[in-house]
Amino acid sequence: MQAGRIIIITGAAGGIGRALVEVLARDGDTVIAVDLPGSGVVELARGLGHPHIGLECDVSREEDVLALYGRVEAQFAQISVLINNAAMGPTMAASVDTGVEAFRLALAVNLIGPFVMAREAAKLMRPGGAIVNVASIAGVVGNPKRNAYAASKAGLISLTKSLACELASRGIRVTAVAPGYVRTPMVAELDRAGKVDLAAVRRRVPLGRLARPDEIAFAVRFLTSSQARYITGSVLAVDGGWMSFNQPGDAYPPVDGTPQAERCCPAEHTDARIVLVTGGANGIGAAVVRRFAANGDTVVIADRDGAAAAELAVWLRGKNPAKCVDVAVESEVVALFEELRARFGRIDVLVNGAAAADTLLLGIEQLPEHIQHVLDVNLTGAFTCAREAIKAMRAGGVILNIGSINSFLPFAPRHAYGASQAGLDILTRCLAAELGPVGIRTATVAPGFISTPGVAQLAKVGRINMKTIARRIPMGRLGQPKDIADAAFFLASPSASYVNGSILYVDGGWTSFGDAGNASELDNGYFAEAAC
C-alpha cells in the first residue's frame, strides 16, 4: 500500500465514510473529507490533525463541486484518489407516492454528483490515479420501494464502466464496490422507523449478519491500491453472499440480538495459514504460490507437473511441500487431502487454479471427449477439491476459484472452456450460499488476458494476435500473473471478510468495453511503461 497519497472522500461524515477516513488516514494518506454543511465533517478532519482537511460541499450542486476543486487544486495541485461515497438513501416510499422532484434529487446526489466529482478529479490526476464509486447491490437486484435509489446505483455502476474505458488512456483506473446491508447510522434509522427488519435481513445473508463499515472500507482501499493495478471497470460485491442465495426461506438460522462480528472486528488468527494451490507449478498458479509464501503461509504446491512443482518448492527455500496431483482423478484428490489433514490438521485456503485449455478446434470438429476433458479438470476437478477441502476447514476458511472472463464473454470456438468457467462461477455462488452459515467464504478471480507461457505459446504458433488483443483492452496491455496473485491474496485475507460468492474481474477493463473498434492505442506511453 503506497502511502502519502492525496485522497478525496465524499460522504465522509457517515458510517462508511468515517471508516474510509480512519482506514486511509491510518495508512499515511492525506484525506480530504467532504460532506454536507452541518455534517460535522470539518470537526472530523480537525480531529485527525494536519495535513487532513474537512470541506463542506453538496455534491448535487455543480457550483459547490467546482468551488471544492478550486480549493483542492490551490492547496494540493493534484490528487491521487477519489472515493465517491456520498449518497442519499432510499425513501422507501411507494411509487405512486414518489414525486418527480424526489426522484431527480436521488439521481442528482447518487449519480450526477459522482460524475461531476469524477470529471473534475480526472483533471487533477496523474497516471496511476484511481476513482472508486460506492454503489450498492440495490443497483443489481430489484427491491420494492427503492426506485430512485436503485436506478441511481445501477447508473453509477454503468458510469464506472464507461469512465473506466475513457480514462484508461490517461492511466486512471475506475472501479466500484457494491455493498449489501451495512450497519450504518442510515440503516439503523431505517430500522428504528420500522422501514427495514434487520433480523430478517440477517436471516437472508449466508454469513448471517450485516457488514461493518470497515469491511467496505477495506475493499475500497484494495481497489485504490497498486495491488489492483490491472483492475478497472470492475464492480466488487461486498454483500456477505446476498446475491448468491436464490431459494425460498432463510439463508442463515435465526439468531437473537446483534452478532458480535457485526459490531466489531474479530481478533485475527496470527498463525501461518495452510494454503493449497492447485495448478501451482507454473504461470498464474506459481505467482499465487509465491504471494502466499511471501506472507509466511505454508503453501502446498499441487500440480500434475510434479517436477515443476518440486522445482518451485526448492526455489522458495521454505516449508512448502510439492505434490504431483491430477485434479481430474478423484482418487488422487481424495488421497491428497487425506494426507494434508493428517499432516496439518486443517486447510485454511484452497485456491483452485488447475485448468485445461480447449483444443481450439471448430465446434463442428470437436468430439465429446474434448469437452469432457476440459470439464473434468476445470469444473469437476475444482468441485472435488472444494468438497474435500470443506472437510478440513474451520470458520474463516476460504475457497477461491481462478476463473476467466470467458464465463462472462465466451469466445468461439472455446466452447468447452467457456462452459467450464461459467460453471465455476456458479459453483462459487452455490458454495457461498451453502457454506456461509459455517463461516467459510468463497470468491472467484476472473482474469482477462494474462502474460503467461501458455498465452505466449499461442501467440508464437499464430493462434492469437497479441497486438490485436492489446488494442481491445482499455488499459492497452496484457496483465501479469502477479496481478491475479495480488487479487487472490486480498480475497483470502481478513480484509475481504464480507466478500462471499463474488466475482472479481482482473482484466484491464476488457469486460467493461462495449463499443466498436479499439479500446486503446498501443503507442500510449503510460501503458508501455506500465507493462515493463
Protein backbone atom coordinates (compact mmCIF):
# COMPACT_ATOMS: atom_id res chain seq x y z
CA MET A 1 0.00 0.00 0.00
CA GLN A 2 1.62 3.24 -1.13
CA ALA A 3 1.30 5.99 1.48
CA GLY A 4 1.39 9.73 1.06
CA ARG A 5 -1.46 9.97 -1.45
CA ILE A 6 -3.98 12.81 -1.58
CA ILE A 7 -7.44 11.23 -1.29
CA ILE A 8 -10.87 12.86 -1.55
CA ILE A 9 -13.67 11.03 0.26
CA THR A 10 -17.24 12.28 -0.16
CA GLY A 11 -19.93 11.43 2.36
CA ALA A 12 -17.05 11.31 4.84
CA ALA A 13 -19.11 12.01 7.96
CA GLY A 14 -21.39 8.98 7.52
CA GLY A 15 -20.84 5.38 8.59
CA ILE A 16 -18.86 4.04 5.63
CA GLY A 17 -17.30 7.46 5.07
CA ARG A 18 -15.89 7.65 8.59
CA ALA A 19 -14.48 4.16 8.24
CA LEU A 20 -12.84 5.15 4.95
CA VAL A 21 -11.34 8.24 6.57
CA GLU A 22 -9.97 6.27 9.50
CA VAL A 23 -8.53 3.42 7.41
CA LEU A 24 -6.83 5.61 4.82
CA ALA A 25 -5.55 8.21 7.25
CA ARG A 26 -4.07 5.38 9.29
CA ASP A 27 -2.25 4.23 6.15
CA GLY A 28 -0.47 7.57 5.96
CA ASP A 29 -2.56 9.12 3.19
CA THR A 30 -3.73 12.73 3.32
CA VAL A 31 -7.52 12.74 3.49
CA ILE A 32 -9.74 15.49 2.14
CA ALA A 33 -13.01 14.68 3.91
CA VAL A 34 -16.08 16.07 2.15
CA ASP A 35 -19.69 16.18 3.33
CA LEU A 36 -22.74 18.42 3.62
CA PRO A 37 -22.73 21.62 5.67
CA GLY A 38 -23.56 20.85 9.28
CA SER A 39 -22.48 17.20 8.97
CA GLY A 40 -19.53 17.60 11.29
CA VAL A 41 -17.01 16.82 8.55
CA VAL A 42 -14.81 19.82 9.42
CA GLU A 43 -14.58 18.69 13.04
CA LEU A 44 -13.93 15.11 11.91
CA ALA A 45 -10.91 16.18 9.87
CA ARG A 46 -9.70 18.53 12.60
CA GLY A 47 -9.61 15.56 14.97
CA LEU A 48 -7.26 13.78 12.58
CA GLY A 49 -4.81 16.66 12.66
CA HIS A 50 -2.57 18.12 9.97
CA PRO A 51 -2.45 17.67 6.97
CA HIS A 52 -6.02 16.28 6.74
CA ILE A 53 -8.79 18.76 5.97
CA GLY A 54 -12.57 18.74 6.03
CA LEU A 55 -14.59 20.61 3.42
CA GLU A 56 -18.34 21.21 3.21
CA CYS A 57 -19.93 20.56 -0.17
CA ASP A 58 -23.25 19.44 -1.63
CA VAL A 59 -22.19 17.14 -4.49
CA SER A 60 -25.59 17.57 -6.16
CA ARG A 61 -24.70 21.24 -6.83
CA GLU A 62 -22.14 21.66 -9.61
CA GLU A 63 -21.13 25.09 -8.34
CA ASP A 64 -20.27 23.56 -4.96
CA VAL A 65 -18.17 20.87 -6.62
CA LEU A 66 -16.28 23.39 -8.75
CA ALA A 67 -15.56 25.52 -5.70
CA LEU A 68 -14.36 22.41 -3.86
CA TYR A 69 -11.88 21.51 -6.57
CA GLY A 70 -10.69 25.10 -6.82
CA ARG A 71 -9.64 24.96 -3.19
CA VAL A 72 -8.14 21.46 -3.56
CA GLU A 73 -6.07 22.48 -6.57
CA ALA A 74 -4.83 25.60 -4.82
CA GLN A 75 -3.70 23.63 -1.77
CA PHE A 76 -2.54 20.32 -3.23
CA ALA A 77 -2.10 20.84 -7.01
CA GLN A 78 -3.03 17.24 -7.74
CA ILE A 79 -4.93 14.33 -6.21
CA SER A 80 -4.31 10.59 -6.24
CA VAL A 81 -7.67 9.02 -5.39
CA LEU A 82 -11.34 9.97 -5.41
CA ILE A 83 -13.83 7.89 -3.45
CA ASN A 84 -17.41 8.74 -4.40
CA ASN A 85 -19.20 7.66 -1.25
CA ALA A 86 -21.80 10.41 -0.74
CA ALA A 87 -25.32 9.11 -1.22
CA MET A 88 -28.95 9.75 -0.48
CA GLY A 89 -30.60 6.64 0.94
CA PRO A 90 -33.85 5.09 -0.25
CA THR A 91 -37.03 6.84 0.89
CA MET A 92 -38.91 3.53 0.94
CA ALA A 93 -41.93 5.36 -0.50
CA ALA A 94 -44.35 3.59 -2.83
CA SER A 95 -44.03 4.50 -6.49
CA VAL A 96 -47.41 6.26 -6.51
CA ASP A 97 -46.26 8.40 -3.58
CA THR A 98 -42.91 9.41 -5.12
CA GLY A 99 -42.77 12.82 -6.76
CA VAL A 100 -40.58 13.56 -9.76
CA GLU A 101 -38.52 16.09 -7.79
CA ALA A 102 -37.73 13.48 -5.15
CA PHE A 103 -36.72 11.06 -7.89
CA ARG A 104 -34.49 13.69 -9.51
CA LEU A 105 -32.88 14.57 -6.19
CA ALA A 106 -31.75 10.98 -5.67
CA LEU A 107 -30.23 10.95 -9.16
CA ALA A 108 -28.56 14.30 -8.53
CA VAL A 109 -26.85 13.11 -5.35
CA ASN A 110 -26.13 9.48 -6.20
CA LEU A 111 -25.34 9.67 -9.92
CA ILE A 112 -24.84 13.16 -11.36
CA GLY A 113 -22.82 14.27 -8.33
CA PRO A 114 -20.33 11.38 -8.58
CA PHE A 115 -20.00 12.05 -12.31
CA VAL A 116 -19.11 15.71 -11.77
CA MET A 117 -16.73 14.76 -8.95
CA ALA A 118 -15.03 12.23 -11.22
CA ARG A 119 -14.87 14.66 -14.14
CA GLU A 120 -13.08 17.26 -12.06
CA ALA A 121 -10.87 14.72 -10.28
CA ALA A 122 -9.57 13.36 -13.58
CA LYS A 123 -8.27 16.83 -14.45
CA LEU A 124 -6.06 16.78 -11.34
CA MET A 125 -4.92 13.17 -11.55
CA ARG A 126 -1.67 11.83 -12.90
CA PRO A 127 -1.21 8.33 -14.34
CA GLY A 128 -1.76 5.84 -11.53
CA GLY A 129 -4.78 7.70 -10.18
CA ALA A 130 -7.88 5.81 -9.07
CA ILE A 131 -11.58 6.53 -8.69
CA VAL A 132 -13.77 4.20 -6.62
CA ASN A 133 -17.55 4.54 -6.61
CA VAL A 134 -19.54 3.18 -3.69
CA ALA A 135 -22.56 1.66 -5.42
CA SER A 136 -24.94 -0.94 -3.94
CA ILE A 137 -26.37 -4.36 -4.64
CA ALA A 138 -29.62 -2.40 -4.98
CA GLY A 139 -28.27 -1.41 -8.39
CA VAL A 140 -28.01 -5.07 -9.38
CA VAL A 141 -31.08 -6.79 -7.88
CA GLY A 142 -34.58 -5.34 -7.67
CA ASN A 143 -36.29 -4.26 -4.48
CA PRO A 144 -39.71 -2.67 -3.88
CA LYS A 145 -39.96 0.99 -2.96
CA ARG A 146 -36.37 1.77 -3.92
CA ASN A 147 -36.93 3.03 -7.45
CA ALA A 148 -34.82 6.19 -7.49
CA TYR A 149 -32.12 4.81 -5.20
CA ALA A 150 -31.76 1.57 -7.17
CA ALA A 151 -31.81 3.35 -10.52
CA SER A 152 -29.14 5.78 -9.37
CA LYS A 153 -26.90 2.96 -8.15
CA ALA A 154 -27.36 0.96 -11.36
CA GLY A 155 -26.46 4.11 -13.24
CA LEU A 156 -23.37 4.53 -11.05
CA ILE A 157 -22.26 1.00 -11.92
CA SER A 158 -22.66 1.75 -15.62
CA LEU A 159 -20.83 5.04 -15.17
CA THR A 160 -17.99 3.15 -13.51
CA LYS A 161 -17.54 1.00 -16.60
CA SER A 162 -17.81 3.79 -19.17
CA LEU A 163 -15.44 6.06 -17.26
CA ALA A 164 -13.00 3.17 -16.87
CA CYS A 165 -12.86 2.79 -20.64
CA GLU A 166 -12.48 6.52 -21.24
CA LEU A 167 -9.93 7.29 -18.54
CA ALA A 168 -7.74 4.24 -19.11
CA SER A 169 -5.80 6.17 -21.77
CA ARG A 170 -4.88 8.70 -19.04
CA GLY A 171 -3.64 5.97 -16.72
CA ILE A 172 -6.61 6.35 -14.36
CA ARG A 173 -8.48 3.31 -13.07
CA VAL A 174 -12.20 3.42 -12.17
CA THR A 175 -13.85 0.70 -10.09
CA ALA A 176 -16.80 0.25 -7.74
CA VAL A 177 -17.87 -1.67 -4.70
CA ALA A 178 -21.45 -2.84 -4.30
CA PRO A 179 -22.18 -3.23 -0.59
CA GLY A 180 -25.06 -5.21 0.75
CA TYR A 181 -26.63 -4.19 4.06
CA VAL A 182 -24.12 -2.33 6.23
CA ARG A 183 -24.52 -1.42 9.88
CA THR A 184 -24.51 2.36 9.41
CA PRO A 185 -26.49 5.17 11.08
CA MET A 186 -28.65 5.37 7.93
CA VAL A 187 -29.61 1.70 8.18
CA ALA A 188 -30.12 2.00 11.92
CA GLU A 189 -32.54 4.88 11.31
CA LEU A 190 -34.50 2.79 8.79
CA ASP A 191 -34.67 0.04 11.42
CA ARG A 192 -35.91 2.44 14.10
CA ALA A 193 -38.53 3.81 11.70
CA GLY A 194 -39.79 0.32 11.03
CA LYS A 195 -38.83 0.53 7.35
CA VAL A 196 -36.45 -2.42 7.48
CA ASP A 197 -36.36 -5.60 9.59
CA LEU A 198 -32.71 -6.24 10.38
CA ALA A 199 -33.42 -9.63 11.90
CA ALA A 200 -34.98 -10.69 8.59
CA VAL A 201 -32.02 -9.21 6.72
CA ARG A 202 -29.59 -11.27 8.77
CA ARG A 203 -31.54 -14.43 8.01
CA ARG A 204 -31.30 -13.59 4.30
CA VAL A 205 -27.48 -13.26 4.31
CA PRO A 206 -25.47 -16.51 4.15
CA LEU A 207 -22.91 -15.05 6.57
CA GLY A 208 -25.76 -14.28 8.98
CA ARG A 209 -25.05 -10.62 9.65
CA LEU A 210 -24.77 -7.11 8.24
CA ALA A 211 -21.40 -5.77 7.15
CA ARG A 212 -19.36 -3.44 9.31
CA PRO A 213 -18.39 -0.12 7.69
CA ASP A 214 -14.71 -1.03 7.96
CA GLU A 215 -15.30 -4.10 5.76
CA ILE A 216 -16.45 -1.84 2.95
CA ALA A 217 -13.53 0.50 3.60
CA PHE A 218 -11.02 -2.34 3.31
CA ALA A 219 -12.45 -3.38 -0.05
CA VAL A 220 -12.26 0.22 -1.30
CA ARG A 221 -8.70 0.54 -0.01
CA PHE A 222 -7.66 -2.52 -2.00
CA LEU A 223 -9.22 -1.17 -5.20
CA THR A 224 -7.32 2.11 -4.79
CA SER A 225 -4.01 0.32 -4.26
CA SER A 226 -1.23 -0.74 -6.59
CA GLN A 227 -2.23 -4.36 -5.87
CA ALA A 228 -5.33 -3.65 -8.01
CA ARG A 229 -3.24 -2.13 -10.83
CA TYR A 230 -4.87 -4.31 -13.55
CA ILE A 231 -8.43 -3.89 -12.24
CA THR A 232 -10.59 -1.26 -13.91
CA GLY A 233 -14.29 -1.17 -14.69
CA SER A 234 -14.85 -3.99 -12.20
CA VAL A 235 -17.57 -3.96 -9.55
CA LEU A 236 -16.84 -5.94 -6.39
CA ALA A 237 -19.91 -7.10 -4.46
CA VAL A 238 -19.35 -6.93 -0.70
CA ASP A 239 -22.63 -8.45 0.40
CA GLY A 240 -21.95 -11.48 2.58
CA GLY A 241 -23.34 -13.72 -0.15
CA TRP A 242 -26.72 -11.98 -0.53
CA MET A 243 -26.72 -12.24 -4.32
CA SER A 244 -25.60 -15.87 -4.20
CA PHE A 245 -28.70 -17.09 -2.36
CA ASN A 246 -31.66 -17.90 -4.59
CA GLN A 247 -34.32 -20.00 -2.91
CA PRO A 248 -37.29 -19.58 -0.56
CA GLY A 249 -36.60 -19.48 3.14
CA ASP A 250 -33.67 -18.35 5.24
CA ALA A 251 -30.02 -18.41 4.19
CA TYR A 252 -28.94 -18.39 7.85
CA PRO A 253 -30.63 -19.70 11.02
CA PRO A 254 -32.43 -17.08 13.13
CA VAL A 255 -30.32 -15.54 15.89
CA ASP A 256 -31.16 -13.34 18.85
CA GLY A 257 -29.69 -9.88 19.06
CA THR A 258 -26.82 -8.41 17.06
CA PRO A 259 -23.94 -10.72 16.12
CA GLN A 260 -20.64 -9.71 17.69
CA ALA A 261 -18.86 -9.72 14.32
CA GLU A 262 -21.33 -7.06 13.17
CA ARG A 263 -20.31 -4.74 16.00
CA CYS A 264 -16.54 -5.08 15.97
CA CYS A 265 -13.74 -6.77 14.06
CA PRO A 266 -12.96 -10.25 15.41
CA ALA A 267 -9.44 -11.00 16.59
CA GLU A 268 -7.30 -12.21 13.70
CA HIS A 269 -5.55 -15.56 13.68
CA THR A 270 -1.82 -14.88 13.77
CA ASP A 271 -0.72 -18.39 12.86
CA ALA A 272 0.57 -19.07 9.37
CA ARG A 273 -2.22 -20.34 7.15
CA ILE A 274 -2.24 -23.68 5.38
CA VAL A 275 -2.87 -22.85 1.72
CA LEU A 276 -3.36 -25.35 -1.10
CA VAL A 277 -2.90 -24.11 -4.66
CA THR A 278 -3.79 -26.47 -7.50
CA GLY A 279 -2.12 -25.82 -10.83
CA GLY A 280 0.51 -24.14 -8.68
CA ALA A 281 3.66 -25.01 -10.59
CA ASN A 282 3.52 -22.54 -13.45
CA GLY A 283 2.06 -19.23 -14.66
CA ILE A 284 -0.73 -17.75 -12.56
CA GLY A 285 -0.66 -20.64 -10.09
CA ALA A 286 3.03 -20.18 -9.39
CA ALA A 287 2.51 -16.44 -8.84
CA VAL A 288 -0.26 -17.23 -6.34
CA VAL A 289 2.04 -19.67 -4.55
CA ARG A 290 4.80 -17.07 -4.31
CA ARG A 291 2.41 -14.40 -2.98
CA PHE A 292 1.10 -16.52 -0.12
CA ALA A 293 4.55 -17.91 0.65
CA ALA A 294 5.92 -14.36 0.89
CA ASN A 295 3.33 -13.76 3.61
CA GLY A 296 4.76 -16.63 5.65
CA ASP A 297 1.93 -19.03 4.89
CA THR A 298 2.58 -22.72 4.36
CA VAL A 299 1.69 -23.34 0.73
CA VAL A 300 1.09 -26.79 -0.73
CA ILE A 301 2.01 -26.69 -4.42
CA ALA A 302 -0.22 -29.22 -6.22
CA ASP A 303 0.19 -29.79 -9.94
CA ARG A 304 0.08 -32.56 -12.50
CA ASP A 305 3.63 -31.46 -13.40
CA GLY A 306 5.23 -32.79 -10.25
CA ALA A 307 8.75 -31.92 -11.36
CA ALA A 308 7.88 -28.25 -11.89
CA ALA A 309 6.07 -28.16 -8.54
CA ALA A 310 9.12 -29.62 -6.80
CA GLU A 311 11.38 -27.10 -8.55
CA LEU A 312 9.25 -24.20 -7.31
CA ALA A 313 9.28 -25.63 -3.78
CA VAL A 314 13.09 -25.75 -3.85
CA TRP A 315 13.24 -22.17 -5.17
CA LEU A 316 11.06 -20.96 -2.28
CA ARG A 317 13.54 -22.47 0.22
CA GLY A 318 10.86 -22.99 2.80
CA LYS A 319 8.30 -25.29 4.25
CA ASN A 320 6.14 -25.50 1.15
CA PRO A 321 5.58 -29.09 0.01
CA ALA A 322 5.07 -30.05 -3.64
CA LYS A 323 2.56 -32.71 -4.66
CA CYS A 324 2.02 -34.38 -8.03
CA VAL A 325 -1.76 -34.50 -8.46
CA ASP A 326 -4.17 -34.70 -11.39
CA VAL A 327 -7.34 -32.97 -10.15
CA ALA A 328 -9.36 -34.79 -12.82
CA VAL A 329 -8.69 -38.07 -10.97
CA GLU A 330 -10.90 -38.25 -7.89
CA SER A 331 -8.80 -40.85 -6.09
CA GLU A 332 -5.71 -38.65 -6.35
CA VAL A 333 -7.58 -35.64 -4.96
CA VAL A 334 -9.01 -37.64 -2.05
CA ALA A 335 -5.58 -39.09 -1.24
CA LEU A 336 -4.01 -35.62 -1.30
CA PHE A 337 -6.49 -34.16 1.16
CA GLU A 338 -6.26 -37.17 3.47
CA GLU A 339 -2.50 -36.65 3.58
CA LEU A 340 -2.84 -32.93 4.25
CA ARG A 341 -5.37 -33.45 7.03
CA ALA A 342 -3.06 -35.96 8.67
CA ARG A 343 -0.06 -33.65 8.36
CA PHE A 344 -1.55 -30.22 9.14
CA GLY A 345 -4.90 -30.97 10.74
CA ARG A 346 -6.63 -28.30 8.70
CA ILE A 347 -6.71 -26.30 5.46
CA ASP A 348 -7.32 -22.56 5.66
CA VAL A 349 -7.34 -21.55 1.99
CA LEU A 350 -7.94 -23.52 -1.21
CA VAL A 351 -7.06 -21.85 -4.50
CA ASN A 352 -8.46 -23.83 -7.42
CA GLY A 353 -6.03 -22.84 -10.14
CA ALA A 354 -5.67 -26.02 -12.19
CA ALA A 355 -7.04 -25.54 -15.70
CA ALA A 356 -7.07 -27.18 -19.11
CA ALA A 357 -7.42 -25.23 -22.34
CA ASP A 358 -9.56 -26.05 -25.37
CA THR A 359 -8.26 -27.76 -28.45
CA LEU A 360 -9.32 -24.63 -30.40
CA LEU A 361 -10.99 -26.86 -32.97
CA LEU A 362 -14.17 -25.59 -34.58
CA GLY A 363 -17.33 -26.78 -32.88
CA ILE A 364 -18.27 -28.97 -35.82
CA GLU A 365 -14.93 -30.77 -35.39
CA GLN A 366 -14.95 -31.21 -31.63
CA LEU A 367 -15.69 -34.56 -30.06
CA PRO A 368 -17.40 -35.20 -26.71
CA GLU A 369 -14.10 -36.35 -25.21
CA HIS A 370 -12.56 -32.95 -25.98
CA ILE A 371 -15.29 -31.24 -23.97
CA GLN A 372 -15.24 -33.85 -21.23
CA HIS A 373 -11.53 -33.42 -20.56
CA VAL A 374 -11.84 -29.66 -20.10
CA LEU A 375 -14.84 -30.07 -17.82
CA ASP A 376 -13.10 -32.79 -15.80
CA VAL A 377 -10.18 -30.50 -14.98
CA ASN A 378 -11.73 -27.04 -14.81
CA LEU A 379 -15.07 -27.78 -13.20
CA THR A 380 -15.38 -31.30 -11.79
CA GLY A 381 -11.79 -31.17 -10.53
CA ALA A 382 -12.43 -27.84 -8.82
CA PHE A 383 -15.60 -29.22 -7.23
CA THR A 384 -13.81 -32.33 -5.97
CA CYS A 385 -11.06 -30.23 -4.41
CA ALA A 386 -13.63 -27.93 -2.78
CA ARG A 387 -15.60 -30.89 -1.47
CA GLU A 388 -12.54 -32.38 0.19
CA ALA A 389 -11.25 -29.01 1.46
CA ILE A 390 -14.53 -28.31 3.25
CA LYS A 391 -13.93 -31.38 5.42
CA ALA A 392 -10.69 -29.85 6.68
CA MET A 393 -11.79 -26.21 7.01
CA ARG A 394 -12.87 -24.31 10.09
CA ALA A 395 -14.72 -20.99 10.32
CA GLY A 396 -12.67 -18.40 8.50
CA GLY A 397 -11.73 -20.77 5.70
CA VAL A 398 -11.72 -19.52 2.12
CA ILE A 399 -12.23 -21.25 -1.23
CA LEU A 400 -11.03 -19.25 -4.23
CA ASN A 401 -11.65 -20.27 -7.82
CA ILE A 402 -9.41 -18.88 -10.56
CA GLY A 403 -11.92 -18.44 -13.37
CA SER A 404 -11.88 -16.38 -16.55
CA ILE A 405 -13.61 -13.56 -18.40
CA ASN A 406 -14.72 -16.35 -20.77
CA SER A 407 -17.55 -17.12 -18.36
CA PHE A 408 -18.97 -13.65 -18.96
CA LEU A 409 -17.92 -13.19 -22.59
CA PRO A 410 -17.47 -16.62 -24.25
CA PHE A 411 -15.08 -16.83 -27.18
CA ALA A 412 -15.61 -19.03 -30.24
CA PRO A 413 -14.59 -21.76 -30.65
CA ARG A 414 -13.68 -22.10 -26.95
CA HIS A 415 -16.99 -23.80 -26.19
CA ALA A 416 -15.83 -26.22 -23.51
CA TYR A 417 -13.59 -23.70 -21.77
CA GLY A 418 -16.29 -21.03 -21.59
CA ALA A 419 -18.83 -23.56 -20.34
CA SER A 420 -16.44 -24.80 -17.66
CA GLN A 421 -15.73 -21.26 -16.45
CA ALA A 422 -19.42 -20.36 -16.33
CA GLY A 423 -19.97 -23.48 -14.28
CA LEU A 424 -17.12 -22.47 -11.98
CA ASP A 425 -18.67 -19.06 -11.37
CA ILE A 426 -21.99 -20.54 -10.30
CA LEU A 427 -20.16 -23.16 -8.22
CA THR A 428 -18.60 -20.26 -6.33
CA ARG A 429 -22.06 -18.84 -5.65
CA CYS A 430 -23.63 -22.16 -4.67
CA LEU A 431 -20.81 -22.84 -2.21
CA ALA A 432 -21.14 -19.31 -0.81
CA ALA A 433 -24.82 -19.90 -0.07
CA GLU A 434 -24.17 -23.31 1.45
CA LEU A 435 -21.01 -22.61 3.44
CA GLY A 436 -21.63 -19.05 4.62
CA PRO A 437 -23.51 -20.24 7.73
CA VAL A 438 -20.45 -22.25 8.87
CA GLY A 439 -18.12 -19.31 8.28
CA ILE A 440 -16.45 -20.42 5.05
CA ARG A 441 -16.28 -17.83 2.26
CA THR A 442 -15.86 -18.29 -1.48
CA ALA A 443 -14.95 -15.98 -4.36
CA THR A 444 -13.83 -16.11 -7.98
CA VAL A 445 -10.94 -14.21 -9.53
CA ALA A 446 -11.66 -13.85 -13.26
CA PRO A 447 -8.51 -12.96 -15.21
CA GLY A 448 -8.55 -11.42 -18.64
CA PHE A 449 -5.60 -11.94 -20.97
CA ILE A 450 -2.55 -12.56 -18.81
CA SER A 451 1.03 -12.80 -19.98
CA THR A 452 1.71 -16.48 -19.22
CA PRO A 453 3.81 -19.11 -21.00
CA GLY A 454 0.59 -20.62 -22.38
CA VAL A 455 -0.51 -17.33 -23.95
CA ALA A 456 2.99 -16.75 -25.32
CA GLN A 457 2.92 -20.17 -26.98
CA LEU A 458 -0.45 -19.43 -28.62
CA ALA A 459 0.99 -16.20 -30.00
CA LYS A 460 4.12 -17.98 -31.20
CA VAL A 461 2.15 -20.50 -33.26
CA GLY A 462 -0.11 -17.78 -34.64
CA ARG A 463 -3.31 -18.77 -32.84
CA ILE A 464 -3.72 -15.29 -31.31
CA ASN A 465 -2.54 -11.79 -32.26
CA MET A 466 -1.09 -10.02 -29.25
CA LYS A 467 -1.33 -6.52 -30.74
CA THR A 468 -4.98 -7.01 -31.65
CA ILE A 469 -5.73 -8.25 -28.15
CA ALA A 470 -3.88 -5.34 -26.52
CA ARG A 471 -5.90 -2.84 -28.58
CA ARG A 472 -9.12 -4.46 -27.31
CA ILE A 473 -8.06 -3.87 -23.69
CA PRO A 474 -8.76 -0.35 -22.35
CA MET A 475 -5.51 -0.44 -20.37
CA GLY A 476 -3.68 -1.32 -23.58
CA ARG A 477 -1.71 -4.29 -22.32
CA LEU A 478 -1.95 -7.81 -21.00
CA GLY A 479 -1.90 -8.40 -17.28
CA GLN A 480 0.80 -10.17 -15.34
CA PRO A 481 0.42 -13.31 -13.19
CA LYS A 482 1.26 -11.17 -10.16
CA ASP A 483 -1.90 -9.12 -10.80
CA ILE A 484 -4.02 -12.23 -10.27
CA ALA A 485 -1.97 -13.33 -7.29
CA ASP A 486 -2.46 -9.99 -5.52
CA ALA A 487 -6.23 -10.15 -6.11
CA ALA A 488 -6.39 -13.71 -4.79
CA PHE A 489 -4.36 -12.79 -1.74
CA PHE A 490 -6.72 -9.92 -0.91
CA LEU A 491 -9.84 -12.05 -1.33
CA ALA A 492 -8.39 -14.68 1.02
CA SER A 493 -7.47 -12.08 3.64
CA PRO A 494 -9.43 -10.86 6.68
CA SER A 495 -9.80 -7.53 4.83
CA ALA A 496 -12.27 -9.31 2.50
CA SER A 497 -14.26 -10.81 5.37
CA TYR A 498 -17.66 -9.78 3.93
CA VAL A 499 -16.87 -10.77 0.33
CA ASN A 500 -18.69 -14.03 -0.31
CA GLY A 501 -19.72 -15.51 -3.65
CA SER A 502 -18.38 -12.51 -5.55
CA ILE A 503 -16.57 -12.47 -8.90
CA LEU A 504 -13.71 -10.02 -9.32
CA TYR A 505 -12.66 -9.32 -12.90
CA VAL A 506 -8.94 -8.62 -13.27
CA ASP A 507 -8.91 -7.84 -16.96
CA GLY A 508 -7.65 -4.33 -17.64
CA GLY A 509 -11.22 -3.28 -18.44
CA TRP A 510 -11.94 -5.93 -21.11
CA THR A 511 -15.42 -6.79 -19.81
CA SER A 512 -16.33 -3.08 -19.48
CA PHE A 513 -15.72 -2.19 -23.12
CA GLY A 514 -18.83 -2.43 -25.26
CA ASP A 515 -18.01 -0.03 -28.09
CA ALA A 516 -16.92 -0.80 -31.64
CA GLY A 517 -13.28 -0.55 -32.67
CA ASN A 518 -10.22 -0.45 -30.46
CA ALA A 519 -10.32 0.26 -26.74
CA SER A 520 -6.74 1.58 -26.64
CA GLU A 521 -3.83 2.69 -28.76
CA LEU A 522 -0.56 0.83 -28.41
CA ASP A 523 1.59 3.93 -28.60
CA ASN A 524 0.30 5.17 -25.25
CA GLY A 525 3.48 5.92 -23.31
CA TYR A 526 1.96 5.22 -19.89
CA PHE A 527 0.95 1.69 -20.68
CA ALA A 528 4.19 0.90 -22.46
CA GLU A 529 5.93 1.84 -19.24
CA ALA A 530 3.43 0.01 -17.02
CA ALA A 531 3.88 -3.20 -18.98
CA CYS A 532 7.60 -3.29 -18.26
